[in-house]
Protein backbone atom coordinates (compact mmCIF):
# COMPACT_ATOMS: atom_id res chain seq x y z
CA MET A 1 -0.14 0.08 0.03
CA SER A 2 1.34 3.38 -0.90
CA LYS A 3 2.40 5.77 2.02
CA GLU A 4 2.53 9.48 1.93
CA ILE A 5 5.21 10.96 4.21
CA ALA A 6 6.18 14.76 4.07
CA GLY A 7 4.34 15.37 0.86
CA ARG A 8 6.18 12.32 -0.86
CA THR A 9 4.40 9.22 -1.90
CA PHE A 10 6.31 5.84 -1.29
CA SER A 11 5.22 2.78 -3.23
CA THR A 12 6.61 -0.55 -4.08
CA PRO A 13 7.67 -0.84 -7.74
CA GLU A 14 4.58 -3.16 -8.33
CA GLU A 15 2.25 -0.61 -7.00
CA ALA A 16 3.82 2.13 -9.15
CA GLY A 17 3.56 -0.03 -12.21
CA VAL A 18 7.32 -0.01 -12.78
CA GLU A 19 9.35 -2.93 -14.39
CA PRO A 20 12.65 -3.67 -12.59
CA PRO A 21 15.71 -2.86 -14.94
CA THR A 22 17.53 -5.59 -16.75
CA ALA A 23 21.09 -6.45 -15.75
CA GLN A 24 22.25 -4.90 -19.12
CA GLU A 25 20.21 -1.64 -18.29
CA LEU A 26 21.85 -1.59 -14.74
CA GLU A 27 25.35 -1.91 -16.24
CA GLU A 28 24.58 0.92 -18.80
CA TYR A 29 23.41 3.17 -15.92
CA GLY A 30 26.44 2.30 -13.87
CA LYS A 31 28.75 3.18 -16.74
CA THR A 32 27.03 6.45 -17.42
CA PHE A 33 27.35 7.40 -13.57
CA ARG A 34 31.01 6.39 -13.51
CA GLU A 35 31.77 8.58 -16.58
CA ALA A 36 30.02 11.53 -15.14
CA ARG A 37 31.78 11.22 -11.71
CA GLN A 38 35.21 10.95 -13.58
CA LYS A 39 34.31 14.25 -15.39
CA LEU A 40 33.33 15.98 -12.23
CA ARG A 41 36.54 14.88 -10.38
CA ALA A 42 38.55 16.09 -13.46
CA ALA A 43 36.95 19.51 -13.16
CA SER A 44 37.34 19.97 -9.37
CA PRO A 45 39.06 17.39 -7.15
CA ASP A 46 37.53 19.11 -4.06
CA PRO A 47 34.77 16.98 -2.74
CA GLU A 48 32.83 19.79 -1.24
CA ILE A 49 32.24 21.28 -4.64
CA LEU A 50 30.76 17.96 -5.84
CA THR A 51 28.26 17.47 -3.15
CA SER A 52 25.67 20.01 -2.32
CA SER A 53 22.85 19.73 0.20
CA LYS A 54 20.52 21.12 -2.52
CA PHE A 55 20.48 17.73 -4.12
CA HIS A 56 20.44 15.72 -0.94
CA ASP A 57 18.02 17.44 1.44
CA GLU A 58 14.68 15.85 1.12
CA ILE A 59 13.15 17.05 4.36
CA SER A 60 14.04 20.69 4.48
CA GLY A 61 10.93 22.78 4.96
CA THR A 62 8.70 19.74 5.75
CA GLU A 63 7.20 18.83 9.24
CA LEU A 64 10.23 16.30 9.41
CA ASP A 65 12.81 19.03 9.26
CA PRO A 66 14.68 19.04 12.70
CA ARG A 67 15.22 22.79 12.46
CA ASN A 68 11.37 23.37 12.55
CA ARG A 69 10.61 21.29 15.61
CA ASN A 70 9.83 22.82 18.97
CA PRO A 71 11.96 20.91 21.52
CA LEU A 72 9.40 21.90 24.25
CA ALA A 73 6.32 20.53 22.48
């Protein structure tokens, strides 16, 4: 059963009607990601430049954001 948390809907692949990728597709995706990572590292070896909270922060501004919680409540 699908579940909604913080404005996001979580479902199993079957519920969402998504077919699992084949082994060949997974290998192609992995190759693409490895190539992209090599290009990024060649442009800047500083890992802080490569990772930004902008792309990893899924709870900012939601009811699950720890910065929005009232510790006395």
